[in-house]
Amino acid sequence: MNFKQYSTLVALILTASISAQKLSRTEKKIVSSIEKNNDEAIGFLEKVVNINSGTLNAEGVKKVGMVFKDAFDNIGFETTWIEMPEEMNRSGHLFAETSGTKGKKLLLIGHLDTVFEEDSPFQTFEMVNDSIAHAPGGNDMKGGDVIVLYALKALSDNGLLDDAQIIVAFTGDEESTGKPLSISRKDLIDAAKRSDIALGFETSTGFNYATVARRGASGWAVEVEGKRAHSSGIFSEGTGAGAIFEMSRILHEFYTDVKGEDLLTFNPGVLLGGTFVNYDELTSKGDAFGKTNVVAQKAVVKGGLRFISEEQKERARTKMRKIVANNLPKTSATVSFTDSYPAMQPTEGNLELLSTLNEVSLDLKQGEVLAYDPGRRGAADVSFVAQYVDGLDGLGTMGSNAHTPQETVNLNTIEELTKRTAILIYRLINTK
């Protein structure tokens, strides 16, 4: 199903849900609790933003996790800090859980780490005006974590979590996922296998949008070998084309022959070529040496591939392998692939969840909630569980310029988004 097809299906589902019900007496109590706690929620956000938790700052990530752990303990959740092996160079994950058999079993996904490491000049929460704050990781995604916490706090304060299974999973390495994935995402996947629905609280793409599909992400690398020789002999039978011309051919044919499928993109992010090439995977830095009168002996390119299904990913890889194998004279080339995030496809179950969220939003008089174009979203942790459960993502805070020193979070929307989340959770845990 492509984006146009599921957009049509979404429109039909939303049209069917326009006859919105009113909030029940219990739901109005939930809303009142959120309004009462909103200043506290914003203060909590400021507190956790001011603790650096760049992905490689394992101690800082855990410190933020412990702040959330205490908060979940205080509302009756059983909390666990899951350490990662030391050699992974990543912090652990915070899981908080209630047990029960009533209604849908929920998995609520967030992450504790940010892209801003300890040496970043962008470190503190600072108000810009009465509604906007500069906040490193406040939008992506400590604000979403706070929405989860305070939605559940409102439900707990009203005694509404009895006999419900809710698992909160805040990972410590979403921005740079620990390898191997079989370890770093094992606990998240295991939680999904015990759940019916996953809700992801990555940054919102707009107040009236939610994510029903996200593209997967894969790394790729091409390495080319040529014959080093004096440049006067290039194109001759004995010298051939050289590594850089061969790499240019490969990339051009990727562009002309692989490009074209809906929601498929691929990007060469770094390219090095010359007589000698060095590239450091850990730092993503490299250097090359060569001279204009020497035919290039080596070329390397590193890139990324985005896809909406495993089938689409494999079709692209097959085409890339075929292109790489058709070498220019006196050159050879190899292509390799590294899996990162699987795709979250736009399933009917996801669209039905969107319909439920839309009804909640209409009942709160917040307007319709529409499906966001997956071609404009990156990968996220919800993708790892998409094959096991129905899900939505993009339920977190609104803001701008995520991953940059200009990142902001819109504080005025937190209260309304928390209400939407709390009512959604309440209805799901009371649905068979």
Protein backbone atom coordinates (compact mmCIF):
# COMPACT_ATOMS: atom_id res chain seq x y z
CA MET A 1 0.00 0.00 0.00
CA ASN A 2 1.58 3.33 -1.02
CA PHE A 3 1.03 6.69 0.66
CA LYS A 4 -1.75 7.80 -1.73
CA GLN A 5 -3.65 4.56 -1.17
CA TYR A 6 -3.52 4.68 2.59
CA SER A 7 -4.32 8.40 2.59
CA THR A 8 -7.58 7.53 0.84
CA LEU A 9 -8.29 4.81 3.40
CA VAL A 10 -7.51 7.21 6.23
CA ALA A 11 -9.98 9.75 4.84
CA LEU A 12 -12.72 7.11 4.82
CA ILE A 13 -11.93 6.05 8.39
CA LEU A 14 -11.89 9.61 9.66
CA THR A 15 -15.14 10.42 7.92
CA ALA A 16 -16.73 7.45 9.68
CA SER A 17 -15.52 8.73 13.06
CA ILE A 18 -16.81 12.29 12.80
CA SER A 19 -19.80 11.52 15.03
CA ALA A 20 -17.68 12.03 18.12
CA GLN A 21 -18.91 11.24 21.57
CA LYS A 22 -18.61 13.58 24.50
CA LEU A 23 -16.10 13.13 27.28
CA SER A 24 -17.36 10.96 30.09
CA ARG A 25 -17.40 12.14 33.70
CA THR A 26 -14.28 10.07 34.38
CA GLU A 27 -12.50 11.52 31.35
CA LYS A 28 -13.27 15.03 32.54
CA LYS A 29 -11.58 14.16 35.84
CA ILE A 30 -8.50 13.01 33.92
CA VAL A 31 -8.45 16.31 32.03
CA SER A 32 -8.72 18.27 35.29
CA SER A 33 -5.78 16.36 36.79
CA ILE A 34 -3.61 17.17 33.78
CA GLU A 35 -4.51 20.85 33.98
CA LYS A 36 -3.62 20.86 37.68
CA ASN A 37 -0.25 19.18 37.06
CA ASN A 38 0.83 21.07 33.93
CA ASP A 39 3.17 23.54 35.64
CA GLU A 40 4.79 20.64 37.45
CA ALA A 41 5.21 18.79 34.15
CA ILE A 42 7.00 21.75 32.55
CA GLY A 43 9.24 22.05 35.60
CA PHE A 44 10.04 18.34 35.33
CA LEU A 45 10.91 18.81 31.65
CA GLU A 46 13.31 21.62 32.51
CA LYS A 47 14.95 19.43 35.14
CA VAL A 48 15.65 16.51 32.83
CA VAL A 49 16.71 18.73 29.92
CA ASN A 50 19.36 20.29 32.13
CA ILE A 51 20.96 16.87 32.68
CA ASN A 52 23.17 16.13 29.69
CA SER A 53 22.29 12.75 28.19
CA GLY A 54 24.10 12.60 24.89
CA THR A 55 24.07 9.01 23.68
CA LEU A 56 27.76 8.46 24.48
CA ASN A 57 27.38 10.00 27.96
CA ALA A 58 26.23 6.72 29.53
CA GLU A 59 26.33 8.15 33.04
CA GLY A 60 24.20 11.15 32.07
CA VAL A 61 21.64 8.96 30.29
CA LYS A 62 21.31 6.80 33.38
CA LYS A 63 20.98 9.89 35.57
CA VAL A 64 18.00 11.06 33.51
CA GLY A 65 16.65 7.53 33.68
CA MET A 66 16.82 7.55 37.47
CA VAL A 67 14.81 10.79 37.62
CA PHE A 68 12.08 9.17 35.56
CA LYS A 69 12.40 5.95 37.55
CA ASP A 70 11.61 7.76 40.80
CA ALA A 71 8.63 9.45 39.16
CA PHE A 72 7.20 6.16 37.88
CA ASP A 73 7.82 4.51 41.25
CA ASN A 74 5.75 7.27 42.84
CA ILE A 75 2.70 6.45 40.70
CA GLY A 76 2.78 2.73 41.39
CA PHE A 77 4.79 1.32 38.47
CA GLU A 78 7.35 -1.47 38.87
CA THR A 79 10.57 -0.06 37.43
CA THR A 80 13.70 -1.75 36.10
CA TRP A 81 16.98 -0.34 34.82
CA ILE A 82 18.40 -2.70 32.19
CA GLU A 83 22.16 -2.35 31.73
CA MET A 84 23.82 -2.89 28.35
CA PRO A 85 27.15 -4.76 28.03
CA GLU A 86 30.13 -2.47 28.68
CA GLU A 87 31.67 -3.20 25.27
CA MET A 88 28.63 -1.67 23.53
CA ASN A 89 29.55 1.77 24.90
CA ARG A 90 25.89 2.57 25.49
CA SER A 91 23.77 3.27 28.54
CA GLY A 92 20.87 1.06 29.56
CA HIS A 93 17.10 1.30 29.25
CA LEU A 94 14.39 2.22 31.76
CA PHE A 95 11.29 -0.01 31.83
CA ALA A 96 8.25 0.74 34.02
CA GLU A 97 5.27 -1.59 34.16
CA THR A 98 1.85 -2.23 35.61
CA SER A 99 0.34 -5.71 35.45
CA GLY A 100 -3.20 -6.72 34.60
CA THR A 101 -5.57 -8.37 32.17
CA LYS A 102 -8.06 -5.60 31.41
CA GLY A 103 -8.41 -4.13 27.92
CA LYS A 104 -5.60 -3.65 25.41
CA LYS A 105 -2.04 -4.27 26.56
CA LEU A 106 0.00 -1.16 25.82
CA LEU A 107 3.67 -0.47 25.11
CA LEU A 108 4.62 3.22 25.40
CA ILE A 109 7.97 4.04 23.78
CA GLY A 110 10.37 6.92 24.43
CA HIS A 111 14.11 7.49 24.70
CA LEU A 112 16.36 9.16 27.25
CA ASP A 113 19.36 10.06 25.09
CA THR A 114 19.88 13.12 22.88
CA VAL A 115 22.26 14.08 20.07
CA PHE A 116 23.94 16.70 22.29
CA GLU A 117 27.06 15.22 23.89
CA GLU A 118 28.96 16.61 26.88
CA ASP A 119 31.14 18.84 24.68
CA SER A 120 28.14 20.48 22.99
CA PRO A 121 27.77 24.21 23.67
CA PHE A 122 23.99 23.68 23.79
CA GLN A 123 23.29 22.35 27.27
CA THR A 124 20.51 24.15 29.13
CA PHE A 125 16.79 24.88 29.08
CA GLU A 126 16.15 28.57 28.37
CA MET A 127 12.87 30.38 27.81
CA VAL A 128 12.64 32.33 24.55
CA ASN A 129 9.19 33.75 25.31
CA ASP A 130 6.18 32.70 27.36
CA SER A 131 5.54 29.61 25.21
CA ILE A 132 8.81 28.57 23.54
CA ALA A 133 12.00 27.28 25.17
CA HIS A 134 15.38 26.42 23.72
CA ALA A 135 15.99 22.94 25.08
CA PRO A 136 18.63 20.38 23.98
CA GLY A 137 16.60 17.21 23.51
CA GLY A 138 13.48 18.87 24.88
CA ASN A 139 11.62 18.23 21.65
CA ASP A 140 13.49 15.04 20.65
CA MET A 141 12.41 13.61 22.91
CA LYS A 142 12.36 14.35 26.62
CA GLY A 143 9.15 16.30 26.08
CA GLY A 144 7.49 13.15 24.75
CA ASP A 145 8.72 11.22 27.79
CA VAL A 146 7.16 13.85 30.05
CA ILE A 147 3.84 13.54 28.20
CA VAL A 148 3.88 9.78 28.87
CA LEU A 149 4.68 10.29 32.55
CA TYR A 150 2.06 12.94 33.23
CA ALA A 151 -0.66 11.20 31.22
CA LEU A 152 -0.11 8.09 33.33
CA LYS A 153 0.10 10.17 36.50
CA ALA A 154 -3.36 11.61 35.77
CA LEU A 155 -4.74 8.10 35.29
CA SER A 156 -3.03 6.88 38.45
CA ASP A 157 -4.26 9.84 40.51
CA ASN A 158 -7.81 8.87 39.54
CA GLY A 159 -7.33 5.16 40.29
CA LEU A 160 -7.70 4.12 36.65
CA LEU A 161 -4.72 1.85 36.13
CA ASP A 162 -5.95 -1.10 38.18
CA ASP A 163 -5.69 -4.42 36.32
CA ALA A 164 -4.19 -2.81 33.20
CA GLN A 165 -0.97 -3.93 31.54
CA ILE A 166 1.09 -0.93 30.51
CA ILE A 167 4.80 -1.17 29.73
CA VAL A 168 6.80 2.05 29.44
CA ALA A 169 10.08 1.54 27.57
CA PHE A 170 12.54 4.45 27.53
CA THR A 171 15.65 3.38 25.63
CA GLY A 172 19.05 4.91 26.29
CA ASP A 173 20.51 4.80 22.79
CA GLU A 174 17.89 5.69 20.19
CA GLU A 175 19.96 8.44 18.58
CA SER A 176 22.86 6.03 17.95
CA THR A 177 21.63 2.51 18.50
CA GLY A 178 23.96 0.08 20.23
CA LYS A 179 25.21 -2.89 18.25
CA PRO A 180 24.37 -5.69 17.99
CA LEU A 181 20.67 -4.92 17.68
CA SER A 182 19.90 -8.40 18.96
CA ILE A 183 21.04 -7.15 22.37
CA SER A 184 20.19 -3.45 22.36
CA ARG A 185 16.60 -4.00 21.17
CA LYS A 186 15.88 -7.41 22.71
CA ASP A 187 14.00 -6.05 25.74
CA LEU A 188 11.91 -3.70 23.60
CA ILE A 189 10.93 -6.50 21.22
CA ASP A 190 10.18 -8.86 24.10
CA ALA A 191 7.86 -6.22 25.58
CA ALA A 192 6.09 -5.86 22.23
CA LYS A 193 5.47 -9.59 22.10
CA ARG A 194 3.54 -9.22 25.39
CA SER A 195 1.55 -6.23 24.11
CA ASP A 196 -1.31 -5.46 21.72
CA ILE A 197 -0.52 -1.86 20.82
CA ALA A 198 2.59 0.34 20.72
CA LEU A 199 2.46 4.11 21.02
CA GLY A 200 5.61 6.08 20.22
CA PHE A 201 6.20 9.55 21.60
CA GLU A 202 8.82 10.88 19.22
CA THR A 203 8.50 14.55 18.36
CA SER A 204 5.21 15.53 16.76
CA THR A 205 5.12 16.58 13.12
CA GLY A 206 2.23 18.91 13.85
CA PHE A 207 -0.57 19.21 16.38
CA ASN A 208 -3.05 17.48 14.07
CA TYR A 209 -0.83 14.73 12.68
CA ALA A 210 0.22 11.29 13.84
CA THR A 211 2.54 8.73 12.28
CA VAL A 212 1.07 5.47 10.99
CA ALA A 213 4.16 4.49 8.98
CA ARG A 214 7.89 5.15 9.14
CA ARG A 215 10.53 4.15 6.67
CA GLY A 216 13.26 1.75 7.67
CA ALA A 217 16.96 2.60 7.49
CA SER A 218 19.92 0.61 6.20
CA GLY A 219 23.55 1.50 5.68
CA TRP A 220 25.47 0.68 2.51
CA ALA A 221 29.08 0.95 1.45
CA VAL A 222 30.84 0.57 -1.90
CA GLU A 223 34.58 -0.07 -2.16
CA VAL A 224 36.37 0.12 -5.51
CA GLU A 225 39.87 -1.01 -6.47
CA GLY A 226 41.67 0.27 -9.56
CA LYS A 227 45.15 -0.12 -11.00
CA ARG A 228 47.60 2.50 -9.81
CA ALA A 229 49.59 3.83 -12.79
CA HIS A 230 50.80 7.00 -14.43
CA SER A 231 47.83 9.07 -15.57
CA SER A 232 49.10 9.12 -19.16
CA GLY A 233 48.01 5.49 -19.42
CA ILE A 234 44.41 5.90 -18.26
CA PHE A 235 41.83 4.26 -20.56
CA SER A 236 44.53 2.03 -22.06
CA GLU A 237 44.17 -1.74 -22.09
CA GLY A 238 46.84 -2.11 -19.45
CA THR A 239 45.66 0.60 -17.04
CA GLY A 240 41.90 0.76 -17.40
CA ALA A 241 39.56 3.32 -15.90
CA GLY A 242 40.83 3.79 -12.35
CA ALA A 243 38.87 3.63 -9.10
CA ILE A 244 37.29 7.07 -9.20
CA PHE A 245 35.81 6.70 -12.69
CA GLU A 246 34.42 3.30 -11.65
CA MET A 247 32.89 4.79 -8.51
CA SER A 248 31.40 7.59 -10.60
CA ARG A 249 29.81 5.01 -12.91
CA ILE A 250 28.35 3.10 -9.99
CA LEU A 251 26.83 6.16 -8.33
CA HIS A 252 25.43 7.44 -11.63
CA GLU A 253 23.73 4.11 -12.31
CA PHE A 254 22.38 3.99 -8.77
CA TYR A 255 20.78 7.37 -9.55
CA THR A 256 19.37 6.37 -12.92
CA ASP A 257 18.46 2.69 -12.36
CA VAL A 258 17.63 2.28 -8.65
CA LYS A 259 15.84 5.59 -8.02
CA GLY A 260 12.13 5.84 -8.71
CA GLU A 261 10.04 3.69 -6.34
CA ASP A 262 7.61 5.54 -4.08
CA LEU A 263 9.16 6.15 -0.62
CA LEU A 264 12.54 4.65 -1.61
CA THR A 265 15.55 6.94 -1.19
CA PHE A 266 19.27 6.37 -0.90
CA ASN A 267 22.01 8.87 -0.17
CA PRO A 268 25.82 8.70 -0.55
CA GLY A 269 26.90 10.59 2.55
CA VAL A 270 30.70 10.51 2.29
CA LEU A 271 33.04 9.79 -0.65
CA LEU A 272 36.82 9.33 -0.62
CA GLY A 273 39.11 8.45 -3.51
CA GLY A 274 42.78 8.53 -4.49
CA THR A 275 45.97 6.54 -4.17
CA PHE A 276 45.40 5.82 -0.49
CA VAL A 277 42.15 6.13 1.50
CA ASN A 278 41.49 5.92 5.24
CA TYR A 279 38.04 5.98 6.85
CA ASP A 280 37.21 5.66 10.57
CA GLU A 281 33.78 4.07 11.14
CA LEU A 282 33.60 5.21 14.75
CA THR A 283 34.11 8.92 14.06
CA SER A 284 32.75 8.98 10.48
CA LYS A 285 35.92 10.81 9.43
CA GLY A 286 38.48 10.01 6.79
CA ASP A 287 41.26 11.26 4.51
CA ALA A 288 42.62 10.53 1.07
CA PHE A 289 45.95 10.98 -0.69
CA GLY A 290 46.36 11.20 -4.44
CA LYS A 291 48.04 13.13 -7.24
CA THR A 292 46.64 14.45 -10.50
CA ASN A 293 49.19 12.46 -12.49
CA VAL A 294 48.40 9.12 -10.80
CA VAL A 295 45.40 6.91 -11.65
CA ALA A 296 43.31 6.42 -8.50
CA GLN A 297 43.79 3.07 -6.83
CA LYS A 298 41.01 3.22 -4.22
CA ALA A 299 37.58 4.78 -3.75
CA VAL A 300 35.11 4.38 -0.90
CA VAL A 301 31.55 5.67 -0.44
CA LYS A 302 29.29 5.30 2.61
CA GLY A 303 25.57 5.88 2.38
CA GLY A 304 22.10 5.29 3.73
CA LEU A 305 18.99 3.62 2.30
CA ARG A 306 15.36 4.38 3.33
CA PHE A 307 12.49 2.03 2.52
CA ILE A 308 8.85 1.38 3.41
CA SER A 309 9.02 -2.44 3.38
CA GLU A 310 11.53 -5.28 3.53
CA GLU A 311 10.54 -6.22 -0.01
CA GLN A 312 11.37 -2.73 -1.26
CA LYS A 313 14.69 -2.81 0.57
CA GLU A 314 15.65 -6.13 -1.03
CA ARG A 315 14.65 -4.98 -4.52
CA ALA A 316 16.92 -1.95 -4.16
CA ARG A 317 19.80 -4.03 -2.83
CA THR A 318 19.49 -6.50 -5.71
CA LYS A 319 19.70 -3.67 -8.27
CA MET A 320 22.69 -2.15 -6.46
CA ARG A 321 24.56 -5.46 -6.40
CA LYS A 322 24.01 -5.92 -10.14
CA ILE A 323 25.33 -2.44 -10.92
CA VAL A 324 28.41 -2.87 -8.72
CA ALA A 325 29.31 -6.16 -10.42
CA ASN A 326 29.46 -4.65 -13.96
CA ASN A 327 32.95 -3.16 -13.66
CA LEU A 328 34.90 -0.88 -15.95
CA PRO A 329 38.25 -2.22 -17.25
CA LYS A 330 40.92 -3.09 -14.65
CA THR A 331 38.63 -2.29 -11.72
CA SER A 332 36.73 -4.32 -9.16
CA ALA A 333 34.04 -3.30 -6.69
CA THR A 334 32.06 -4.65 -3.75
CA VAL A 335 28.91 -3.41 -2.02
CA SER A 336 27.93 -4.26 1.54
CA PHE A 337 24.82 -3.51 3.59
CA THR A 338 24.19 -2.95 7.30
CA ASP A 339 20.70 -3.28 8.77
CA SER A 340 19.64 -0.61 11.23
CA TYR A 341 15.90 0.10 11.53
CA PRO A 342 13.15 -2.01 9.95
CA ALA A 343 10.18 -0.29 8.31
CA MET A 344 6.89 0.47 10.05
CA GLN A 345 4.32 -0.17 7.34
CA PRO A 346 0.91 1.58 7.11
CA THR A 347 -1.22 -1.37 8.24
CA GLU A 348 -4.99 -1.34 8.66
CA GLY A 349 -4.49 -1.84 12.40
CA ASN A 350 -2.40 1.33 12.55
CA LEU A 351 -5.08 3.22 10.66
CA GLU A 352 -7.76 1.98 13.06
CA LEU A 353 -5.64 3.30 15.94
CA LEU A 354 -5.44 6.64 14.15
CA SER A 355 -9.23 6.62 13.96
CA THR A 356 -9.43 6.11 17.73
CA LEU A 357 -6.95 8.93 18.32
CA ASN A 358 -8.94 11.14 15.96
CA GLU A 359 -12.12 10.49 17.97
CA VAL A 360 -10.30 11.41 21.17
CA SER A 361 -9.05 14.64 19.63
CA LEU A 362 -12.50 15.56 18.37
CA ASP A 363 -14.02 14.86 21.78
CA LEU A 364 -11.42 17.19 23.32
CA LYS A 365 -12.32 19.78 20.65
CA GLN A 366 -8.74 19.68 19.36
CA GLY A 367 -9.61 19.00 15.72
CA GLU A 368 -8.98 16.05 13.39
CA VAL A 369 -5.73 14.08 13.52
CA LEU A 370 -4.41 13.00 10.12
CA ALA A 371 -1.76 10.54 8.92
CA TYR A 372 1.63 12.09 8.28
CA ASP A 373 3.56 11.32 5.10
CA PRO A 374 6.12 8.59 5.99
CA GLY A 375 8.44 9.91 3.31
CA ARG A 376 9.08 12.89 5.58
CA ARG A 377 9.85 10.92 8.75
CA GLY A 378 13.03 9.21 9.84
CA ALA A 379 13.34 5.86 11.56
CA ALA A 380 12.59 5.35 15.25
CA ASP A 381 12.35 2.70 17.96
CA VAL A 382 8.70 1.98 17.17
CA SER A 383 9.93 0.42 13.92
CA PHE A 384 11.52 -2.47 15.83
CA VAL A 385 8.13 -3.55 17.19
CA ALA A 386 5.93 -2.81 14.18
CA GLN A 387 5.84 -6.42 12.99
CA TYR A 388 4.45 -7.56 16.36
CA VAL A 389 1.82 -4.95 17.26
CA ASP A 390 -0.36 -2.21 15.81
CA GLY A 391 1.10 1.21 16.49
CA LEU A 392 1.20 4.98 16.19
CA ASP A 393 4.12 7.35 16.58
CA GLY A 394 4.74 11.10 16.56
CA LEU A 395 2.64 11.58 19.71
CA GLY A 396 5.25 13.69 21.51
CA THR A 397 5.83 17.38 21.90
CA MET A 398 5.82 20.03 19.22
CA GLY A 399 8.88 22.12 18.52
CA SER A 400 11.39 23.01 15.85
CA ASN A 401 14.98 22.47 14.70
CA ALA A 402 15.49 19.12 16.42
CA HIS A 403 19.12 17.88 16.39
CA THR A 404 20.44 21.44 16.06
CA PRO A 405 21.61 24.07 18.58
CA GLN A 406 18.38 25.93 17.74
CA GLU A 407 16.10 23.12 18.98
CA THR A 408 12.95 24.40 20.65
CA VAL A 409 9.97 22.90 22.44
CA ASN A 410 6.51 24.48 22.41
CA LEU A 411 5.38 24.48 26.05
CA ASN A 412 1.86 25.68 25.26
CA THR A 413 0.98 22.41 23.53
CA ILE A 414 2.19 20.02 26.25
CA GLU A 415 -1.00 20.20 28.29
CA GLU A 416 -3.29 19.49 25.34
CA LEU A 417 -1.11 16.69 23.99
CA THR A 418 -0.98 15.12 27.46
CA LYS A 419 -4.79 15.21 27.63
CA ARG A 420 -5.01 13.53 24.24
CA THR A 421 -2.56 10.83 25.32
CA ALA A 422 -4.26 10.16 28.65
CA ILE A 423 -7.74 9.82 27.15
CA LEU A 424 -6.39 7.59 24.38
CA ILE A 425 -4.71 5.30 26.92
CA TYR A 426 -7.83 5.27 29.11
CA ARG A 427 -10.04 4.22 26.21
CA LEU A 428 -7.62 1.57 24.99
CA ILE A 429 -7.20 -0.10 28.38
CA ASN A 430 -10.99 -0.24 28.60
CA THR A 431 -11.39 -1.81 25.15
CA LYS A 432 -11.49 -5.57 24.67
